[in-house]
């Protein structure tokens, strides 16, 4: 009888399974632990990127609220920065969709 706590590791590509098995062995861990660790690392990297973007957004928003009322009308530099930020977000979204 199989262990009910074990992950069912099925790979449609035998080369992929072999590559993961070799990497897990080199790391000195089980395949299950290796896969879970990789998934956790990827999730935390995504979380970190989101938090960095959020902090940058908060800084920009905070600066807008602390500025003098006469400086609320954004200049060409601010509009250029906003356009570049939008392009960066679109590139990031396209990368995630790929």
PDB file of N, CA and C in Angstrom:
ATOM      1  N   UNK A   1       0.842  -1.186   0.000  1.00  0.00           N
ATOM      2  CA  UNK A   1       0.000   0.000   0.000  1.00  0.00           C
ATOM      3  C   UNK A   1       0.883   1.243   0.000  1.00  0.00           C
ATOM      4  N   UNK A   2       0.556   2.229  -0.815  1.00  0.00           N
ATOM      5  CA  UNK A   2       1.387   3.423  -0.910  1.00  0.00           C
ATOM      6  C   UNK A   2       1.114   4.362   0.264  1.00  0.00           C
ATOM      7  N   UNK A   3       2.098   5.210   0.522  1.00  0.00           N
ATOM      8  CA  UNK A   3       2.002   6.185   1.597  1.00  0.00           C
ATOM      9  C   UNK A   3       0.996   7.266   1.199  1.00  0.00           C
ATOM     10  N   UNK A   4      -0.091   7.490   1.991  1.00  0.00           N
ATOM     11  CA  UNK A   4      -1.102   8.480   1.603  1.00  0.00           C
ATOM     12  C   UNK A   4      -0.566   9.913   1.631  1.00  0.00           C
ATOM     13  N   UNK A   5       0.543  10.154   2.297  1.00  0.00           N
ATOM     14  CA  UNK A   5       1.097  11.502   2.376  1.00  0.00           C
ATOM     15  C   UNK A   5       2.025  11.816   1.208  1.00  0.00           C
ATOM     16  N   UNK A   6       2.412  10.815   0.460  1.00  0.00           N
ATOM     17  CA  UNK A   6       3.366  11.015  -0.634  1.00  0.00           C
ATOM     18  C   UNK A   6       2.685  11.666  -1.835  1.00  0.00           C
ATOM     19  N   UNK A   7       3.441  12.524  -2.516  1.00  0.00           N
ATOM     20  CA  UNK A   7       2.936  13.119  -3.751  1.00  0.00           C
ATOM     21  C   UNK A   7       2.994  12.082  -4.854  1.00  0.00           C
ATOM     22  N   UNK A   8       2.040  12.138  -5.747  1.00  0.00           N
ATOM     23  CA  UNK A   8       2.057  11.270  -6.904  1.00  0.00           C
ATOM     24  C   UNK A   8       2.864  11.991  -7.979  1.00  0.00           C
ATOM     25  N   UNK A   9       4.061  11.508  -8.240  1.00  0.00           N
ATOM     26  CA  UNK A   9       4.960  12.172  -9.183  1.00  0.00           C
ATOM     27  C   UNK A   9       4.891  11.492 -10.541  1.00  0.00           C
ATOM     28  N   UNK A  10       4.016  11.996 -11.392  1.00  0.00           N
ATOM     29  CA  UNK A  10       3.898  11.480 -12.758  1.00  0.00           C
ATOM     30  C   UNK A  10       4.416  12.533 -13.707  1.00  0.00           C
ATOM     31  N   UNK A  11       5.251  12.104 -14.625  1.00  0.00           N
ATOM     32  CA  UNK A  11       5.830  13.014 -15.606  1.00  0.00           C
ATOM     33  C   UNK A  11       5.570  12.452 -16.995  1.00  0.00           C
ATOM     34  N   UNK A  12       4.881  13.216 -17.854  1.00  0.00           N
ATOM     35  CA  UNK A  12       4.640  12.736 -19.210  1.00  0.00           C
ATOM     36  C   UNK A  12       5.943  12.651 -20.013  1.00  0.00           C
ATOM     37  N   UNK A  13       6.941  13.416 -19.622  1.00  0.00           N
ATOM     38  CA  UNK A  13       8.209  13.439 -20.331  1.00  0.00           C
ATOM     39  C   UNK A  13       9.265  12.737 -19.471  1.00  0.00           C
ATOM     40  N   UNK A  14       9.727  11.566 -19.883  1.00  0.00           N
ATOM     41  CA  UNK A  14      10.724  10.848 -19.080  1.00  0.00           C
ATOM     42  C   UNK A  14      12.015  11.643 -18.879  1.00  0.00           C
ATOM     43  N   UNK A  15      12.390  12.457 -19.853  1.00  0.00           N
ATOM     44  CA  UNK A  15      13.601  13.271 -19.717  1.00  0.00           C
ATOM     45  C   UNK A  15      13.442  14.292 -18.595  1.00  0.00           C
ATOM     46  N   UNK A  16      12.231  14.829 -18.462  1.00  0.00           N
ATOM     47  CA  UNK A  16      11.967  15.793 -17.393  1.00  0.00           C
ATOM     48  C   UNK A  16      12.101  15.109 -16.030  1.00  0.00           C
ATOM     49  N   UNK A  17      11.547  13.918 -15.915  1.00  0.00           N
ATOM     50  CA  UNK A  17      11.630  13.175 -14.656  1.00  0.00           C
ATOM     51  C   UNK A  17      13.088  12.878 -14.318  1.00  0.00           C
ATOM     52  N   UNK A  18      13.853  12.477 -15.314  1.00  0.00           N
ATOM     53  CA  UNK A  18      15.266  12.173 -15.103  1.00  0.00           C
ATOM     54  C   UNK A  18      16.032  13.419 -14.660  1.00  0.00           C
ATOM     55  N   UNK A  19      15.767  14.535 -15.304  1.00  0.00           N
ATOM     56  CA  UNK A  19      16.456  15.783 -14.963  1.00  0.00           C
ATOM     57  C   UNK A  19      16.149  16.193 -13.526  1.00  0.00           C
ATOM     58  N   UNK A  20      14.893  16.059 -13.123  1.00  0.00           N
ATOM     59  CA  UNK A  20      14.511  16.420 -11.761  1.00  0.00           C
ATOM     60  C   UNK A  20      15.125  15.441 -10.768  1.00  0.00           C
ATOM     61  N   UNK A  21      15.134  14.162 -11.104  1.00  0.00           N
ATOM     62  CA  UNK A  21      15.726  13.160 -10.218  1.00  0.00           C
ATOM     63  C   UNK A  21      17.219  13.432 -10.017  1.00  0.00           C
ATOM     64  N   UNK A  22      17.919  13.775 -11.086  1.00  0.00           N
ATOM     65  CA  UNK A  22      19.351  14.072 -10.996  1.00  0.00           C
ATOM     66  C   UNK A  22      19.576  15.327 -10.146  1.00  0.00           C
ATOM     67  N   UNK A  23      18.778  16.358 -10.371  1.00  0.00           N
ATOM     68  CA  UNK A  23      18.919  17.599  -9.605  1.00  0.00           C
ATOM     69  C   UNK A  23      18.622  17.368  -8.125  1.00  0.00           C
ATOM     70  N   UNK A  24      17.592  16.581  -7.842  1.00  0.00           N
ATOM     71  CA  UNK A  24      17.237  16.279  -6.449  1.00  0.00           C
ATOM     72  C   UNK A  24      18.362  15.499  -5.770  1.00  0.00           C
ATOM     73  N   UNK A  25      18.912  14.535  -6.486  1.00  0.00           N
ATOM     74  CA  UNK A  25      20.010  13.734  -5.927  1.00  0.00           C
ATOM     75  C   UNK A  25      21.217  14.626  -5.652  1.00  0.00           C
ATOM     76  N   UNK A  26      21.525  15.531  -6.582  1.00  0.00           N
ATOM     77  CA  UNK A  26      22.654  16.448  -6.399  1.00  0.00           C
ATOM     78  C   UNK A  26      22.432  17.364  -5.195  1.00  0.00           C
ATOM     79  N   UNK A  27      21.162  17.715  -4.952  1.00  0.00           N
ATOM     80  CA  UNK A  27      20.835  18.567  -3.806  1.00  0.00           C
ATOM     81  C   UNK A  27      20.734  17.764  -2.513  1.00  0.00           C
ATOM     82  N   UNK A  28      20.717  16.444  -2.642  1.00  0.00           N
ATOM     83  CA  UNK A  28      20.645  15.582  -1.460  1.00  0.00           C
ATOM     84  C   UNK A  28      19.272  15.517  -0.830  1.00  0.00           C
ATOM     85  N   UNK A  29      18.227  15.674  -1.658  1.00  0.00           N
ATOM     86  CA  UNK A  29      16.852  15.628  -1.154  1.00  0.00           C
ATOM     87  C   UNK A  29      16.020  14.709  -2.037  1.00  0.00           C
ATOM     88  N   UNK A  30      14.831  14.387  -1.562  1.00  0.00           N
ATOM     89  CA  UNK A  30      13.920  13.571  -2.361  1.00  0.00           C
ATOM     90  C   UNK A  30      13.357  14.405  -3.506  1.00  0.00           C
ATOM     91  N   UNK A  31      12.824  13.716  -4.510  1.00  0.00           N
ATOM     92  CA  UNK A  31      12.203  14.437  -5.629  1.00  0.00           C
ATOM     93  C   UNK A  31      11.045  15.294  -5.134  1.00  0.00           C
ATOM     94  N   UNK A  32      10.260  14.744  -4.228  1.00  0.00           N
ATOM     95  CA  UNK A  32       9.114  15.486  -3.690  1.00  0.00           C
ATOM     96  C   UNK A  32       9.592  16.768  -3.012  1.00  0.00           C
ATOM     97  N   UNK A  33      10.608  16.654  -2.171  1.00  0.00           N
ATOM     98  CA  UNK A  33      11.121  17.828  -1.477  1.00  0.00           C
ATOM     99  C   UNK A  33      11.711  18.832  -2.466  1.00  0.00           C
ATOM    100  N   UNK A  34      12.405  18.336  -3.482  1.00  0.00           N
ATOM    101  CA  UNK A  34      13.002  19.206  -4.485  1.00  0.00           C
ATOM    102  C   UNK A  34      11.922  19.998  -5.231  1.00  0.00           C
ATOM    103  N   UNK A  35      10.874  19.310  -5.651  1.00  0.00           N
ATOM    104  CA  UNK A  35       9.783  19.960  -6.395  1.00  0.00           C
ATOM    105  C   UNK A  35       9.066  20.977  -5.513  1.00  0.00           C
ATOM    106  N   UNK A  36       8.770  20.596  -4.283  1.00  0.00           N
ATOM    107  CA  UNK A  36       8.083  21.528  -3.381  1.00  0.00           C
ATOM    108  C   UNK A  36       8.946  22.743  -3.075  1.00  0.00           C
ATOM    109  N   UNK A  37      10.237  22.515  -2.904  1.00  0.00           N
ATOM    110  CA  UNK A  37      11.149  23.622  -2.637  1.00  0.00           C
ATOM    111  C   UNK A  37      11.215  24.575  -3.831  1.00  0.00           C
ATOM    112  N   UNK A  38      11.270  24.018  -5.037  1.00  0.00           N
ATOM    113  CA  UNK A  38      11.298  24.853  -6.244  1.00  0.00           C
ATOM    114  C   UNK A  38      10.009  25.659  -6.384  1.00  0.00           C
ATOM    115  N   UNK A  39       8.887  25.024  -6.087  1.00  0.00           N
ATOM    116  CA  UNK A  39       7.601  25.733  -6.171  1.00  0.00           C
ATOM    117  C   UNK A  39       7.538  26.852  -5.139  1.00  0.00           C
ATOM    118  N   UNK A  40       8.024  26.575  -3.940  1.00  0.00           N
ATOM    119  CA  UNK A  40       8.040  27.592  -2.887  1.00  0.00           C
ATOM    120  C   UNK A  40       8.952  28.751  -3.284  1.00  0.00           C
ATOM    121  N   UNK A  41      10.137  28.435  -3.810  1.00  0.00           N
ATOM    122  CA  UNK A  41      11.069  29.482  -4.233  1.00  0.00           C
ATOM    123  C   UNK A  41      10.452  30.365  -5.306  1.00  0.00           C
ATOM    124  N   UNK A  42       9.758  29.744  -6.246  1.00  0.00           N
ATOM    125  CA  UNK A  42       9.137  30.525  -7.318  1.00  0.00           C
ATOM    126  C   UNK A  42       8.013  31.408  -6.762  1.00  0.00           C
ATOM    127  N   UNK A  43       7.206  30.844  -5.877  1.00  0.00           N
ATOM    128  CA  UNK A  43       6.104  31.619  -5.295  1.00  0.00           C
ATOM    129  C   UNK A  43       6.626  32.801  -4.490  1.00  0.00           C
ATOM    130  N   UNK A  44       7.678  32.589  -3.712  1.00  0.00           N
ATOM    131  CA  UNK A  44       8.202  33.692  -2.919  1.00  0.00           C
ATOM    132  C   UNK A  44       8.872  34.735  -3.808  1.00  0.00           C
ATOM    133  N   UNK A  45       9.452  34.329  -4.931  1.00  0.00           N
ATOM    134  CA  UNK A  45      10.037  35.297  -5.867  1.00  0.00           C
ATOM    135  C   UNK A  45       8.938  36.161  -6.483  1.00  0.00           C
ATOM    136  N   UNK A  46       7.827  35.547  -6.833  1.00  0.00           N
ATOM    137  CA  UNK A  46       6.688  36.296  -7.383  1.00  0.00           C
ATOM    138  C   UNK A  46       6.153  37.258  -6.316  1.00  0.00           C
ATOM    139  N   UNK A  47       6.038  36.768  -5.095  1.00  0.00           N
ATOM    140  CA  UNK A  47       5.564  37.613  -3.998  1.00  0.00           C
ATOM    141  C   UNK A  47       6.504  38.795  -3.793  1.00  0.00           C
ATOM    142  N   UNK A  48       7.806  38.545  -3.813  1.00  0.00           N
ATOM    143  CA  UNK A  48       8.784  39.616  -3.615  1.00  0.00           C
ATOM    144  C   UNK A  48       8.674  40.661  -4.705  1.00  0.00           C
ATOM    145  N   UNK A  49       8.514  40.226  -5.942  1.00  0.00           N
ATOM    146  CA  UNK A  49       8.372  41.174  -7.065  1.00  0.00           C
ATOM    147  C   UNK A  49       7.109  42.021  -6.887  1.00  0.00           C
ATOM    148  N   UNK A  50       6.019  41.385  -6.468  1.00  0.00           N
ATOM    149  CA  UNK A  50       4.787  42.125  -6.227  1.00  0.00           C
ATOM    150  C   UNK A  50       4.994  43.160  -5.126  1.00  0.00           C
ATOM    151  N   UNK A  51       5.630  42.752  -4.019  1.00  0.00           N
ATOM    152  CA  UNK A  51       5.840  43.672  -2.904  1.00  0.00           C
ATOM    153  C   UNK A  51       6.738  44.843  -3.302  1.00  0.00           C
ATOM    154  N   UNK A  52       7.757  44.582  -4.109  1.00  0.00           N
ATOM    155  CA  UNK A  52       8.622  45.667  -4.573  1.00  0.00           C
ATOM    156  C   UNK A  52       7.822  46.661  -5.420  1.00  0.00           C
ATOM    157  N   UNK A  53       6.990  46.136  -6.313  1.00  0.00           N
ATOM    158  CA  UNK A  53       6.145  47.001  -7.131  1.00  0.00           C
ATOM    159  C   UNK A  53       5.148  47.779  -6.298  1.00  0.00           C
ATOM    160  N   UNK A  54       4.592  47.114  -5.301  1.00  0.00           N
ATOM    161  CA  UNK A  54       3.631  47.770  -4.420  1.00  0.00           C
ATOM    162  C   UNK A  54       4.301  48.894  -3.627  1.00  0.00           C
ATOM    163  N   UNK A  55       5.503  48.629  -3.111  1.00  0.00           N
ATOM    164  CA  UNK A  55       6.229  49.662  -2.355  1.00  0.00           C
ATOM    165  C   UNK A  55       6.557  50.856  -3.240  1.00  0.00           C
ATOM    166  N   UNK A  56       6.968  50.585  -4.476  1.00  0.00           N
ATOM    167  CA  UNK A  56       7.269  51.674  -5.406  1.00  0.00           C
ATOM    168  C   UNK A  56       6.008  52.482  -5.695  1.00  0.00           C
ATOM    169  N   UNK A  57       4.898  51.786  -5.859  1.00  0.00           N
ATOM    170  CA  UNK A  57       3.626  52.458  -6.105  1.00  0.00           C
ATOM    171  C   UNK A  57       3.226  53.319  -4.910  1.00  0.00           C
ATOM    172  N   UNK A  58       3.404  52.777  -3.717  1.00  0.00           N
ATOM    173  CA  UNK A  58       3.075  53.524  -2.502  1.00  0.00           C
ATOM    174  C   UNK A  58       3.946  54.773  -2.385  1.00  0.00           C
ATOM    175  N   UNK A  59       5.216  54.635  -2.737  1.00  0.00           N
ATOM    176  CA  UNK A  59       6.123  55.785  -2.670  1.00  0.00           C
ATOM    177  C   UNK A  59       5.674  56.871  -3.648  1.00  0.00           C
ATOM    178  N   UNK A  60       5.303  56.449  -4.863  1.00  0.00           N
ATOM    179  CA  UNK A  60       4.829  57.438  -5.847  1.00  0.00           C
ATOM    180  C   UNK A  60       3.531  58.088  -5.376  1.00  0.00           C
ATOM    181  N   UNK A  61       2.622  57.280  -4.839  1.00  0.00           N
ATOM    182  CA  UNK A  61       1.352  57.822  -4.364  1.00  0.00           C
ATOM    183  C   UNK A  61       1.578  58.757  -3.196  1.00  0.00           C
ATOM    184  N   UNK A  62       2.444  58.356  -2.284  1.00  0.00           N
ATOM    185  CA  UNK A  62       2.737  59.198  -1.124  1.00  0.00           C
ATOM    186  C   UNK A  62       3.314  60.531  -1.539  1.00  0.00           C
ATOM    187  N   UNK A  63       4.203  60.504  -2.516  1.00  0.00           N
ATOM    188  CA  UNK A  63       4.810  61.742  -3.001  1.00  0.00           C
ATOM    189  C   UNK A  63       3.747  62.649  -3.610  1.00  0.00           C
ATOM    190  N   UNK A  64       2.774  62.084  -4.286  1.00  0.00           N
ATOM    191  CA  UNK A  64       1.710  62.893  -4.895  1.00  0.00           C
ATOM    192  C   UNK A  64       0.864  63.569  -3.828  1.00  0.00           C
ATOM    193  N   UNK A  65       0.614  62.877  -2.720  1.00  0.00           N
ATOM    194  CA  UNK A  65      -0.232  63.451  -1.674  1.00  0.00           C
ATOM    195  C   UNK A  65       0.506  64.460  -0.807  1.00  0.00           C
ATOM    196  N   UNK A  66       1.828  64.368  -0.759  1.00  0.00           N
ATOM    197  CA  UNK A  66       2.577  65.314   0.056  1.00  0.00           C
ATOM    198  C   UNK A  66       3.022  66.534  -0.730  1.00  0.00           C
ATOM    199  N   UNK A  67       2.805  66.535  -2.044  1.00  0.00           N
ATOM    200  CA  UNK A  67       3.254  67.664  -2.859  1.00  0.00           C
ATOM    201  C   UNK A  67       2.331  68.858  -2.660  1.00  0.00           C
ATOM    202  N   UNK A  68       2.858  69.988  -2.995  1.00  0.00           N
ATOM    203  CA  UNK A  68       2.084  71.224  -2.914  1.00  0.00           C
ATOM    204  C   UNK A  68       0.942  71.180  -3.927  1.00  0.00           C
ATOM    205  N   UNK A  69      -0.186  71.798  -3.604  1.00  0.00           N
ATOM    206  CA  UNK A  69      -1.313  71.788  -4.547  1.00  0.00           C
ATOM    207  C   UNK A  69      -0.947  72.322  -5.932  1.00  0.00           C
ATOM    208  N   UNK A  70      -0.032  73.270  -6.001  1.00  0.00           N
ATOM    209  CA  UNK A  70       0.326  73.823  -7.305  1.00  0.00           C
ATOM    210  C   UNK A  70       1.130  72.836  -8.143  1.00  0.00           C
ATOM    211  N   UNK A  71       1.695  71.808  -7.508  1.00  0.00           N
ATOM    212  CA  UNK A  71       2.494  70.850  -8.264  1.00  0.00           C
ATOM    213  C   UNK A  71       1.701  69.598  -8.631  1.00  0.00           C
ATOM    214  N   UNK A  72       0.401  69.608  -8.374  1.00  0.00           N
ATOM    215  CA  UNK A  72      -0.421  68.444  -8.686  1.00  0.00           C
ATOM    216  C   UNK A  72      -0.518  68.238 -10.191  1.00  0.00           C
ATOM    217  N   UNK A  73      -0.554  69.327 -10.951  1.00  0.00           N
ATOM    218  CA  UNK A  73      -0.593  69.200 -12.401  1.00  0.00           C
ATOM    219  C   UNK A  73       0.756  68.652 -12.846  1.00  0.00           C
ATOM    220  N   UNK A  74       0.744  67.417 -13.342  1.00  0.00           N
ATOM    221  CA  UNK A  74       1.998  66.765 -13.683  1.00  0.00           C
ATOM    222  C   UNK A  74       2.621  67.371 -14.925  1.00  0.00           C
ATOM    223  N   UNK A  75       3.918  67.356 -14.945  1.00  0.00           N
ATOM    224  CA  UNK A  75       4.658  67.884 -16.079  1.00  0.00           C
ATOM    225  C   UNK A  75       5.005  66.778 -17.060  1.00  0.00           C
ATOM    226  N   UNK A  76       5.722  67.131 -18.107  1.00  0.00           N
ATOM    227  CA  UNK A  76       6.090  66.141 -19.121  1.00  0.00           C
ATOM    228  C   UNK A  76       6.958  65.019 -18.565  1.00  0.00           C
ATOM    229  N   UNK A  77       7.815  65.333 -17.584  1.00  0.00           N
ATOM    230  CA  UNK A  77       8.671  64.294 -17.004  1.00  0.00           C
ATOM    231  C   UNK A  77       7.827  63.229 -16.298  1.00  0.00           C
ATOM    232  N   UNK A  78       6.840  63.687 -15.547  1.00  0.00           N
ATOM    233  CA  UNK A  78       5.970  62.746 -14.826  1.00  0.00           C
ATOM    234  C   UNK A  78       5.161  61.905 -15.806  1.00  0.00           C
ATOM    235  N   UNK A  79       4.647  62.526 -16.852  1.00  0.00           N
ATOM    236  CA  UNK A  79       3.885  61.763 -17.843  1.00  0.00           C
ATOM    237  C   UNK A  79       4.780  60.726 -18.527  1.00  0.00           C
ATOM    238  N   UNK A  80       6.030  61.085 -18.820  1.00  0.00           N
ATOM    239  CA  UNK A  80       6.961  60.134 -19.432  1.00  0.00           C
ATOM    240  C   UNK A  80       7.238  58.975 -18.488  1.00  0.00           C
ATOM    241  N   UNK A  81       7.405  59.265 -17.198  1.00  0.00           N
ATOM    242  CA  UNK A  81       7.627  58.222 -16.204  1.00  0.00           C
ATOM    243  C   UNK A  81       6.417  57.294 -16.119  1.00  0.00           C
ATOM    244  N   UNK A  82       5.224  57.870 -16.164  1.00  0.00           N
ATOM    245  CA  UNK A  82       4.007  57.055 -16.114  1.00  0.00           C
ATOM    246  C   UNK A  82       3.898  56.152 -17.346  1.00  0.00           C
ATOM    247  N   UNK A  83       4.226  56.689 -18.518  1.00  0.00           N
ATOM    248  CA  UNK A  83       4.183  55.876 -19.744  1.00  0.00           C
ATOM    249  C   UNK A  83       5.182  54.727 -19.666  1.00  0.00           C
ATOM    250  N   UNK A  84       6.384  55.010 -19.177  1.00  0.00           N
ATOM    251  CA  UNK A  84       7.407  53.963 -19.048  1.00  0.00           C
ATOM    252  C   UNK A  84       6.963  52.905 -18.035  1.00  0.00           C
ATOM    253  N   UNK A  85       6.351  53.322 -16.959  1.00  0.00           N
ATOM    254  CA  UNK A  85       5.850  52.378 -15.958  1.00  0.00           C
ATOM    255  C   UNK A  85       4.769  51.493 -16.559  1.00  0.00           C
ATOM    256  N   UNK A  86       3.880  52.075 -17.352  1.00  0.00           N
ATOM    257  CA  UNK A  86       2.840  51.282 -17.998  1.00  0.00           C
ATOM    258  C   UNK A  86       3.444  50.282 -18.977  1.00  0.00           C
ATOM    259  N   UNK A  87       4.453  50.705 -19.737  1.00  0.00           N
ATOM    260  CA  UNK A  87       5.117  49.782 -20.667  1.00  0.00           C
ATOM    261  C   UNK A  87       5.772  48.631 -19.910  1.00  0.00           C
ATOM    262  N   UNK A  88       6.396  48.941 -18.774  1.00  0.00           N
ATOM    263  CA  UNK A  88       7.038  47.904 -17.969  1.00  0.00           C
ATOM    264  C   UNK A  88       5.998  46.914 -17.434  1.00  0.00           C
ATOM    265  N   UNK A  89       4.879  47.423 -16.972  1.00  0.00           N
ATOM    266  CA  UNK A  89       3.807  46.544 -16.488  1.00  0.00           C
ATOM    267  C   UNK A  89       3.269  45.664 -17.610  1.00  0.00           C
ATOM    268  N   UNK A  90       3.099  46.246 -18.798  1.00  0.00           N
ATOM    269  CA  UNK A  90       2.607  45.465 -19.934  1.00  0.00           C
ATOM    270  C   UNK A  90       3.598  44.384 -20.327  1.00  0.00           C
ATOM    271  N   UNK A  91       4.900  44.706 -20.322  1.00  0.00           N
ATOM    272  CA  UNK A  91       5.930  43.704 -20.633  1.00  0.00           C
ATOM    273  C   UNK A  91       5.889  42.582 -19.604  1.00  0.00           C
ATOM    274  N   UNK A  92       5.727  42.941 -18.352  1.00  0.00           N
ATOM    275  CA  UNK A  92       5.665  41.934 -17.286  1.00  0.00           C
ATOM    276  C   UNK A  92       4.442  41.037 -17.467  1.00  0.00           C
ATOM    277  N   UNK A  93       3.309  41.639 -17.806  1.00  0.00           N
ATOM    278  CA  UNK A  93       2.100  40.862 -18.014  1.00  0.00           C
ATOM    279  C   UNK A  93       2.259  39.918 -19.211  1.00  0.00           C
ATOM    280  N   UNK A  94       2.894  40.401 -20.287  1.00  0.00           N
ATOM    281  CA  UNK A  94       3.126  39.566 -21.454  1.00  0.00           C
ATOM    282  C   UNK A  94       4.050  38.411 -21.112  1.00  0.00           C
ATOM    283  N   UNK A  95       5.052  38.661 -20.272  1.00  0.00           N
ATOM    284  CA  UNK A  95       5.973  37.613 -19.853  1.00  0.00           C
ATOM    285  C   UNK A  95       5.279  36.551 -19.032  1.00  0.00           C
ATOM    286  N   UNK A  96       4.320  36.946 -18.219  1.00  0.00           N
ATOM    287  CA  UNK A  96       3.573  35.990 -17.399  1.00  0.00           C
ATOM    288  C   UNK A  96       2.649  35.150 -18.255  1.00  0.00           C
ATOM    289  N   UNK A  97       2.121  35.746 -19.325  1.00  0.00           N
ATOM    290  CA  UNK A  97       1.183  35.029 -20.187  1.00  0.00           C
ATOM    291  C   UNK A  97       1.901  34.005 -21.054  1.00  0.00           C
ATOM    292  N   UNK A  98       3.196  34.191 -21.260  1.00  0.00           N
ATOM    293  CA  UNK A  98       3.945  33.287 -22.135  1.00  0.00           C
ATOM    294  C   UNK A  98       4.232  31.956 -21.487  1.00  0.00           C
TER     295      UNK A  98
END
